[in-house]
Amino acid sequence: MSPETDELATEPPATQSSWIARTPLWARIVVPAVVLVGGAAVVVSAMAAEAQPPATVESMCRSAVEAKLETRGHSDVDVSRSFQIAEADGAQRVSGTVSSVDDSGHVDHAQVRCVVRVDGDTIRVVSARLSD
């Protein structure tokens, strides 16, 4: 007992412990790391969604030719990656080559000619023609 308080002096003074001190060390490390990694993943996925390449006259022509040949039963469609583009009558004329395999297994080679119109932000294929 202490002479001034008449209490036992063996007990340490009561201190309030914070919630951080009561949290296990592994939780203090893992939770912020998970939040940081999750936030980075959200930012990266948002940036990747915006990074889609815009449609071009070449890609629109390529898609139209592939769709046309697939509806005819052709497979292994390989449209050239280099096109020639010319301006004509307010539209873009796209020329190139394509190879594909028909139903009988015969490999076909053809010349591609597309007419693509660009109206502001809208790109549309007016015609897609194939010739031997």
N, C-alpha and C. Protein backbone atom coordinates (compact mmCIF):
# COMPACT_ATOMS: atom_id res chain seq x y z
N MET A 1 0.83 -1.17 0.00
CA MET A 1 0.00 0.00 0.00
C MET A 1 0.88 1.23 0.00
N SER A 2 0.41 2.20 -0.67
CA SER A 2 1.15 3.45 -0.63
C SER A 2 0.55 4.35 0.43
N PRO A 3 1.37 5.11 1.06
CA PRO A 3 0.86 5.91 2.17
C PRO A 3 -0.15 6.96 1.74
N GLU A 4 -0.13 7.39 0.51
CA GLU A 4 -1.04 8.47 0.13
C GLU A 4 -2.40 7.97 -0.32
N THR A 5 -2.48 6.82 -0.95
CA THR A 5 -3.74 6.40 -1.56
C THR A 5 -4.39 5.22 -0.89
N ASP A 6 -3.75 4.54 -0.08
CA ASP A 6 -4.26 3.36 0.57
C ASP A 6 -4.65 2.27 -0.44
N GLU A 7 -3.99 2.21 -1.61
CA GLU A 7 -4.25 1.18 -2.61
C GLU A 7 -3.00 0.37 -2.81
N LEU A 8 -3.16 -0.75 -3.41
CA LEU A 8 -2.02 -1.58 -3.71
C LEU A 8 -1.20 -0.95 -4.82
N ALA A 9 0.08 -0.90 -4.68
CA ALA A 9 0.96 -0.28 -5.67
C ALA A 9 1.47 -1.29 -6.68
N THR A 10 1.03 -2.51 -6.64
CA THR A 10 1.53 -3.53 -7.55
C THR A 10 0.86 -3.49 -8.92
N GLU A 11 -0.27 -2.88 -9.04
CA GLU A 11 -0.96 -2.80 -10.33
C GLU A 11 -0.44 -1.60 -11.11
N PRO A 12 -0.10 -1.82 -12.40
CA PRO A 12 0.33 -0.68 -13.20
C PRO A 12 -0.87 0.21 -13.50
N PRO A 13 -0.61 1.45 -13.80
CA PRO A 13 -1.73 2.35 -14.12
C PRO A 13 -2.44 1.87 -15.39
N ALA A 14 -3.74 1.98 -15.43
CA ALA A 14 -4.54 1.52 -16.56
C ALA A 14 -4.29 2.42 -17.77
N THR A 15 -3.97 1.81 -18.92
CA THR A 15 -3.78 2.57 -20.16
C THR A 15 -4.77 2.06 -21.18
N GLN A 16 -5.23 2.95 -21.99
CA GLN A 16 -6.17 2.55 -23.05
C GLN A 16 -5.34 2.10 -24.25
N SER A 17 -5.56 0.89 -24.70
CA SER A 17 -4.84 0.42 -25.89
C SER A 17 -5.69 0.72 -27.11
N SER A 18 -5.04 1.14 -28.20
CA SER A 18 -5.76 1.48 -29.42
C SER A 18 -6.13 0.21 -30.19
N TRP A 19 -7.03 0.34 -31.14
CA TRP A 19 -7.47 -0.82 -31.91
C TRP A 19 -6.34 -1.32 -32.80
N ILE A 20 -5.42 -0.43 -33.20
CA ILE A 20 -4.29 -0.87 -34.02
C ILE A 20 -3.38 -1.78 -33.22
N ALA A 21 -3.17 -1.47 -31.97
CA ALA A 21 -2.31 -2.30 -31.13
C ALA A 21 -2.94 -3.68 -30.90
N ARG A 22 -4.26 -3.74 -30.90
CA ARG A 22 -4.93 -5.02 -30.69
C ARG A 22 -5.02 -5.84 -31.97
N THR A 23 -4.79 -5.21 -33.14
CA THR A 23 -4.85 -5.91 -34.42
C THR A 23 -3.57 -6.72 -34.62
N PRO A 24 -3.71 -7.96 -35.07
CA PRO A 24 -2.51 -8.78 -35.29
C PRO A 24 -1.59 -8.15 -36.36
N LEU A 25 -0.31 -8.40 -36.22
CA LEU A 25 0.67 -7.82 -37.13
C LEU A 25 0.41 -8.24 -38.58
N TRP A 26 0.05 -9.51 -38.82
CA TRP A 26 -0.19 -9.96 -40.18
C TRP A 26 -1.34 -9.19 -40.83
N ALA A 27 -2.37 -8.84 -40.06
CA ALA A 27 -3.50 -8.09 -40.61
C ALA A 27 -3.11 -6.66 -40.93
N ARG A 28 -2.21 -6.08 -40.12
CA ARG A 28 -1.76 -4.71 -40.38
C ARG A 28 -0.92 -4.64 -41.66
N ILE A 29 -0.37 -5.76 -42.08
CA ILE A 29 0.44 -5.77 -43.31
C ILE A 29 -0.41 -6.20 -44.50
N VAL A 30 -1.21 -7.23 -44.35
CA VAL A 30 -1.95 -7.82 -45.48
C VAL A 30 -3.08 -6.91 -45.96
N VAL A 31 -3.85 -6.34 -45.06
CA VAL A 31 -5.02 -5.56 -45.48
C VAL A 31 -4.62 -4.36 -46.33
N PRO A 32 -3.66 -3.53 -45.95
CA PRO A 32 -3.28 -2.42 -46.84
C PRO A 32 -2.70 -2.91 -48.17
N ALA A 33 -1.97 -4.03 -48.15
CA ALA A 33 -1.42 -4.55 -49.40
C ALA A 33 -2.53 -4.99 -50.34
N VAL A 34 -3.54 -5.66 -49.81
CA VAL A 34 -4.67 -6.11 -50.64
C VAL A 34 -5.42 -4.90 -51.21
N VAL A 35 -5.62 -3.89 -50.40
CA VAL A 35 -6.32 -2.68 -50.86
C VAL A 35 -5.51 -2.00 -51.96
N LEU A 36 -4.21 -1.92 -51.80
CA LEU A 36 -3.35 -1.29 -52.79
C LEU A 36 -3.34 -2.06 -54.11
N VAL A 37 -3.20 -3.37 -54.03
CA VAL A 37 -3.20 -4.20 -55.24
C VAL A 37 -4.57 -4.15 -55.92
N GLY A 38 -5.64 -4.21 -55.16
CA GLY A 38 -6.98 -4.13 -55.75
C GLY A 38 -7.22 -2.80 -56.43
N GLY A 39 -6.78 -1.72 -55.81
CA GLY A 39 -6.92 -0.39 -56.43
C GLY A 39 -6.13 -0.29 -57.71
N ALA A 40 -4.92 -0.83 -57.71
CA ALA A 40 -4.10 -0.81 -58.93
C ALA A 40 -4.76 -1.63 -60.03
N ALA A 41 -5.36 -2.75 -59.68
CA ALA A 41 -6.03 -3.58 -60.68
C ALA A 41 -7.22 -2.85 -61.30
N VAL A 42 -7.96 -2.12 -60.50
CA VAL A 42 -9.10 -1.35 -61.01
C VAL A 42 -8.61 -0.28 -61.97
N VAL A 43 -7.55 0.42 -61.62
CA VAL A 43 -7.02 1.48 -62.48
C VAL A 43 -6.51 0.89 -63.80
N VAL A 44 -5.78 -0.21 -63.74
CA VAL A 44 -5.24 -0.83 -64.94
C VAL A 44 -6.36 -1.33 -65.84
N SER A 45 -7.38 -1.95 -65.28
CA SER A 45 -8.48 -2.45 -66.12
C SER A 45 -9.27 -1.31 -66.74
N ALA A 46 -9.41 -0.20 -66.03
CA ALA A 46 -10.11 0.96 -66.59
C ALA A 46 -9.30 1.55 -67.75
N MET A 47 -8.00 1.60 -67.59
CA MET A 47 -7.16 2.12 -68.66
C MET A 47 -7.15 1.19 -69.86
N ALA A 48 -7.17 -0.11 -69.63
CA ALA A 48 -7.18 -1.08 -70.72
C ALA A 48 -8.49 -1.01 -71.49
N ALA A 49 -9.58 -0.77 -70.80
CA ALA A 49 -10.88 -0.66 -71.47
C ALA A 49 -10.92 0.55 -72.39
N GLU A 50 -10.26 1.63 -71.98
CA GLU A 50 -10.24 2.84 -72.80
C GLU A 50 -9.22 2.73 -73.92
N ALA A 51 -8.29 1.79 -73.84
CA ALA A 51 -7.21 1.70 -74.81
C ALA A 51 -7.58 0.85 -76.02
N GLN A 52 -8.85 0.54 -76.21
CA GLN A 52 -9.27 -0.22 -77.38
C GLN A 52 -8.92 0.59 -78.62
N PRO A 53 -8.30 -0.04 -79.61
CA PRO A 53 -7.94 0.73 -80.81
C PRO A 53 -9.21 1.16 -81.55
N PRO A 54 -9.22 2.37 -82.05
CA PRO A 54 -10.39 2.82 -82.77
C PRO A 54 -10.51 2.10 -84.11
N ALA A 55 -11.74 1.99 -84.59
CA ALA A 55 -11.97 1.33 -85.87
C ALA A 55 -11.37 2.18 -86.98
N THR A 56 -10.74 1.52 -87.93
CA THR A 56 -10.17 2.20 -89.08
C THR A 56 -10.82 1.66 -90.34
N VAL A 57 -10.58 2.33 -91.45
CA VAL A 57 -11.17 1.86 -92.70
C VAL A 57 -10.62 0.48 -93.05
N GLU A 58 -9.34 0.23 -92.71
CA GLU A 58 -8.75 -1.09 -92.98
C GLU A 58 -9.43 -2.17 -92.15
N SER A 59 -9.62 -1.91 -90.86
CA SER A 59 -10.23 -2.93 -89.99
C SER A 59 -11.69 -3.17 -90.37
N MET A 60 -12.39 -2.13 -90.77
CA MET A 60 -13.78 -2.30 -91.19
C MET A 60 -13.86 -3.14 -92.46
N CYS A 61 -12.97 -2.88 -93.42
CA CYS A 61 -12.95 -3.67 -94.65
C CYS A 61 -12.58 -5.11 -94.35
N ARG A 62 -11.58 -5.31 -93.52
CA ARG A 62 -11.15 -6.66 -93.16
C ARG A 62 -12.30 -7.44 -92.53
N SER A 63 -13.03 -6.82 -91.62
CA SER A 63 -14.16 -7.48 -90.97
C SER A 63 -15.26 -7.83 -91.96
N ALA A 64 -15.54 -6.91 -92.89
CA ALA A 64 -16.59 -7.16 -93.88
C ALA A 64 -16.22 -8.31 -94.80
N VAL A 65 -14.96 -8.39 -95.22
CA VAL A 65 -14.52 -9.47 -96.11
C VAL A 65 -14.56 -10.80 -95.38
N GLU A 66 -14.07 -10.82 -94.14
CA GLU A 66 -14.11 -12.07 -93.36
C GLU A 66 -15.54 -12.57 -93.19
N ALA A 67 -16.45 -11.65 -92.86
CA ALA A 67 -17.85 -12.04 -92.67
C ALA A 67 -18.45 -12.57 -93.97
N LYS A 68 -18.13 -11.91 -95.09
CA LYS A 68 -18.67 -12.33 -96.38
C LYS A 68 -18.20 -13.74 -96.74
N LEU A 69 -16.91 -14.01 -96.55
CA LEU A 69 -16.38 -15.33 -96.89
C LEU A 69 -16.89 -16.40 -95.93
N GLU A 70 -17.03 -16.08 -94.68
CA GLU A 70 -17.55 -17.07 -93.72
C GLU A 70 -18.99 -17.44 -94.01
N THR A 71 -19.79 -16.49 -94.49
CA THR A 71 -21.17 -16.82 -94.85
C THR A 71 -21.22 -17.71 -96.09
N ARG A 72 -20.17 -17.67 -96.90
CA ARG A 72 -20.09 -18.54 -98.08
C ARG A 72 -19.51 -19.92 -97.74
N GLY A 73 -19.19 -20.15 -96.48
CA GLY A 73 -18.67 -21.44 -96.06
C GLY A 73 -17.16 -21.56 -96.11
N HIS A 74 -16.46 -20.47 -96.31
CA HIS A 74 -15.00 -20.52 -96.36
C HIS A 74 -14.43 -20.50 -94.93
N SER A 75 -13.26 -21.11 -94.80
CA SER A 75 -12.57 -21.10 -93.51
C SER A 75 -11.13 -20.65 -93.72
N ASP A 76 -10.39 -20.52 -92.63
CA ASP A 76 -8.99 -20.07 -92.69
C ASP A 76 -8.85 -18.81 -93.53
N VAL A 77 -9.71 -17.84 -93.28
CA VAL A 77 -9.68 -16.58 -94.04
C VAL A 77 -8.47 -15.77 -93.58
N ASP A 78 -7.63 -15.37 -94.54
CA ASP A 78 -6.45 -14.58 -94.24
C ASP A 78 -6.46 -13.34 -95.12
N VAL A 79 -6.87 -12.23 -94.54
CA VAL A 79 -6.93 -10.96 -95.26
C VAL A 79 -5.58 -10.27 -95.09
N SER A 80 -5.09 -9.67 -96.16
CA SER A 80 -3.79 -9.01 -96.10
C SER A 80 -3.78 -7.93 -95.03
N ARG A 81 -2.61 -7.71 -94.47
CA ARG A 81 -2.46 -6.70 -93.42
C ARG A 81 -2.08 -5.34 -94.00
N SER A 82 -1.69 -5.33 -95.24
CA SER A 82 -1.35 -4.05 -95.87
C SER A 82 -2.33 -3.76 -96.99
N PHE A 83 -3.04 -2.69 -96.84
CA PHE A 83 -4.03 -2.28 -97.83
C PHE A 83 -3.57 -1.01 -98.52
N GLN A 84 -4.08 -0.82 -99.72
CA GLN A 84 -3.89 0.44 -100.41
C GLN A 84 -5.20 1.22 -100.26
N ILE A 85 -5.07 2.48 -99.87
CA ILE A 85 -6.26 3.29 -99.64
C ILE A 85 -6.21 4.49 -100.57
N ALA A 86 -7.33 4.74 -101.23
CA ALA A 86 -7.44 5.88 -102.14
C ALA A 86 -8.74 6.62 -101.85
N GLU A 87 -8.71 7.91 -102.01
CA GLU A 87 -9.89 8.75 -101.83
C GLU A 87 -10.65 8.79 -103.15
N ALA A 88 -11.97 8.56 -103.11
CA ALA A 88 -12.77 8.58 -104.33
C ALA A 88 -14.21 8.92 -103.98
N ASP A 89 -14.70 9.99 -104.54
CA ASP A 89 -16.10 10.39 -104.38
C ASP A 89 -16.52 10.52 -102.92
N GLY A 90 -15.67 11.08 -102.10
CA GLY A 90 -16.00 11.29 -100.69
C GLY A 90 -15.95 10.03 -99.85
N ALA A 91 -15.41 8.96 -100.40
CA ALA A 91 -15.29 7.70 -99.66
C ALA A 91 -13.86 7.20 -99.77
N GLN A 92 -13.54 6.21 -98.98
CA GLN A 92 -12.22 5.58 -99.03
C GLN A 92 -12.35 4.27 -99.79
N ARG A 93 -11.50 4.07 -100.78
CA ARG A 93 -11.45 2.79 -101.50
C ARG A 93 -10.25 2.02 -100.97
N VAL A 94 -10.53 0.84 -100.44
CA VAL A 94 -9.52 0.01 -99.82
C VAL A 94 -9.30 -1.21 -100.71
N SER A 95 -8.04 -1.47 -101.07
CA SER A 95 -7.71 -2.61 -101.93
C SER A 95 -6.65 -3.47 -101.26
N GLY A 96 -6.75 -4.79 -101.46
CA GLY A 96 -5.78 -5.72 -100.90
C GLY A 96 -6.06 -7.12 -101.40
N THR A 97 -5.57 -8.11 -100.69
CA THR A 97 -5.75 -9.50 -101.09
C THR A 97 -6.31 -10.32 -99.93
N VAL A 98 -6.86 -11.49 -100.29
CA VAL A 98 -7.38 -12.41 -99.29
C VAL A 98 -7.18 -13.83 -99.79
N SER A 99 -6.93 -14.73 -98.87
CA SER A 99 -6.91 -16.16 -99.21
C SER A 99 -7.79 -16.88 -98.21
N SER A 100 -8.42 -17.96 -98.68
CA SER A 100 -9.32 -18.73 -97.82
C SER A 100 -9.43 -20.14 -98.37
N VAL A 101 -10.05 -21.00 -97.59
CA VAL A 101 -10.26 -22.39 -97.98
C VAL A 101 -11.76 -22.59 -98.12
N ASP A 102 -12.20 -23.07 -99.30
CA ASP A 102 -13.64 -23.28 -99.50
C ASP A 102 -14.07 -24.62 -98.94
N ASP A 103 -15.36 -24.94 -99.14
CA ASP A 103 -15.95 -26.17 -98.59
C ASP A 103 -15.25 -27.44 -99.07
N SER A 104 -14.76 -27.43 -100.32
CA SER A 104 -14.13 -28.62 -100.89
C SER A 104 -12.65 -28.75 -100.51
N GLY A 105 -12.13 -27.77 -99.79
CA GLY A 105 -10.73 -27.81 -99.36
C GLY A 105 -9.79 -27.11 -100.31
N HIS A 106 -10.33 -26.47 -101.33
CA HIS A 106 -9.52 -25.74 -102.31
C HIS A 106 -9.16 -24.37 -101.75
N VAL A 107 -7.90 -23.97 -101.90
CA VAL A 107 -7.46 -22.65 -101.45
C VAL A 107 -7.77 -21.63 -102.53
N ASP A 108 -8.51 -20.60 -102.15
CA ASP A 108 -8.86 -19.52 -103.07
C ASP A 108 -8.07 -18.27 -102.71
N HIS A 109 -7.62 -17.56 -103.75
CA HIS A 109 -6.97 -16.27 -103.60
C HIS A 109 -7.80 -15.25 -104.36
N ALA A 110 -8.02 -14.10 -103.77
CA ALA A 110 -8.85 -13.09 -104.43
C ALA A 110 -8.34 -11.69 -104.11
N GLN A 111 -8.72 -10.76 -104.96
CA GLN A 111 -8.46 -9.35 -104.73
C GLN A 111 -9.65 -8.78 -103.96
N VAL A 112 -9.37 -7.92 -103.03
CA VAL A 112 -10.41 -7.30 -102.21
C VAL A 112 -10.54 -5.84 -102.61
N ARG A 113 -11.78 -5.38 -102.67
CA ARG A 113 -12.01 -3.96 -102.89
C ARG A 113 -13.22 -3.54 -102.07
N CYS A 114 -12.98 -2.64 -101.15
CA CYS A 114 -14.05 -2.14 -100.29
C CYS A 114 -14.21 -0.65 -100.49
N VAL A 115 -15.43 -0.21 -100.34
CA VAL A 115 -15.72 1.22 -100.30
C VAL A 115 -16.23 1.51 -98.90
N VAL A 116 -15.53 2.42 -98.22
CA VAL A 116 -15.84 2.74 -96.83
C VAL A 116 -16.12 4.22 -96.72
N ARG A 117 -17.24 4.57 -96.11
CA ARG A 117 -17.59 5.97 -95.90
C ARG A 117 -17.38 6.34 -94.43
N VAL A 118 -16.80 7.52 -94.24
CA VAL A 118 -16.57 8.04 -92.90
C VAL A 118 -17.42 9.28 -92.76
N ASP A 119 -18.40 9.24 -91.85
CA ASP A 119 -19.27 10.39 -91.57
C ASP A 119 -19.10 10.77 -90.11
N GLY A 120 -18.21 11.71 -89.84
CA GLY A 120 -17.95 12.10 -88.45
C GLY A 120 -17.27 10.97 -87.70
N ASP A 121 -17.93 10.45 -86.67
CA ASP A 121 -17.40 9.33 -85.89
C ASP A 121 -17.87 7.98 -86.41
N THR A 122 -18.71 7.99 -87.42
CA THR A 122 -19.29 6.75 -87.93
C THR A 122 -18.52 6.28 -89.16
N ILE A 123 -18.10 5.02 -89.12
CA ILE A 123 -17.43 4.39 -90.26
C ILE A 123 -18.31 3.22 -90.70
N ARG A 124 -18.66 3.19 -92.00
CA ARG A 124 -19.48 2.07 -92.47
C ARG A 124 -18.97 1.60 -93.83
N VAL A 125 -19.07 0.30 -94.04
CA VAL A 125 -18.65 -0.31 -95.29
C VAL A 125 -19.84 -0.27 -96.24
N VAL A 126 -19.66 0.42 -97.37
CA VAL A 126 -20.71 0.53 -98.37
C VAL A 126 -20.74 -0.73 -99.21
N SER A 127 -19.55 -1.21 -99.61
CA SER A 127 -19.49 -2.45 -100.38
C SER A 127 -18.16 -3.13 -100.14
N ALA A 128 -18.20 -4.46 -100.23
CA ALA A 128 -17.00 -5.29 -100.11
C ALA A 128 -17.06 -6.29 -101.24
N ARG A 129 -16.11 -6.20 -102.19
CA ARG A 129 -16.15 -7.07 -103.35
C ARG A 129 -14.89 -7.90 -103.43
N LEU A 130 -15.06 -9.11 -103.95
CA LEU A 130 -13.95 -10.03 -104.15
C LEU A 130 -13.88 -10.39 -105.62
N SER A 131 -12.68 -10.41 -106.18
CA SER A 131 -12.53 -10.83 -107.58
C SER A 131 -11.32 -11.74 -107.68
N ASP A 132 -11.42 -12.72 -108.60
CA ASP A 132 -10.33 -13.69 -108.77
C ASP A 132 -9.20 -13.10 -109.52
